[in-house]
């Protein structure tokens, strides 16, 4: 949608240059300037960049899953009720609270290639995102160049018709 706005603005600027010649304030864009303008103001390119960044983070996550993971859980409970009162009477240890701490280190010894396949899939996803970004850029360049030369063609056609009317 924004690309169409850029193209229409570009068309208006180029066509207004022939109309504004009487005002001596001609605004002209070269082909390189129009391509740069289109590439800098296109949402599809921004979206492709974000998808590429997302693919990088997915690859990073998959690589982290292959290493050891450390987890820690803690709990604190107040003990009460008739059963605990009877146990307290029969035991020499007087307790009213229970505290638990668990520290767990997991290291995948054998995953059957699952982690390696996930990493390969994430690498493929990153490559796909990079290629999609380049494809989007090339499509925007092609559309901009086509629109630029269409505008030049129509301007020349208008000049030719104007000359025919003036004769």
Foldseek 3Di string as FASTA:
>chain_A
DVLVVLLVVQLCLQVVQVVCVVVVDHDHDDLVRSLVVSVVRDVVLVVLVVQLVVLVVQLVVLVVVQAKDKDKDKDKDFDDDDVVVVVCVVDPDHDGMDIDMDIDIDHDPDDPCPSVVSNVVSVVSNVVSVVSSVVVSVVSSVVSVVSVVVSVVVVVVVVVVVVVVVD
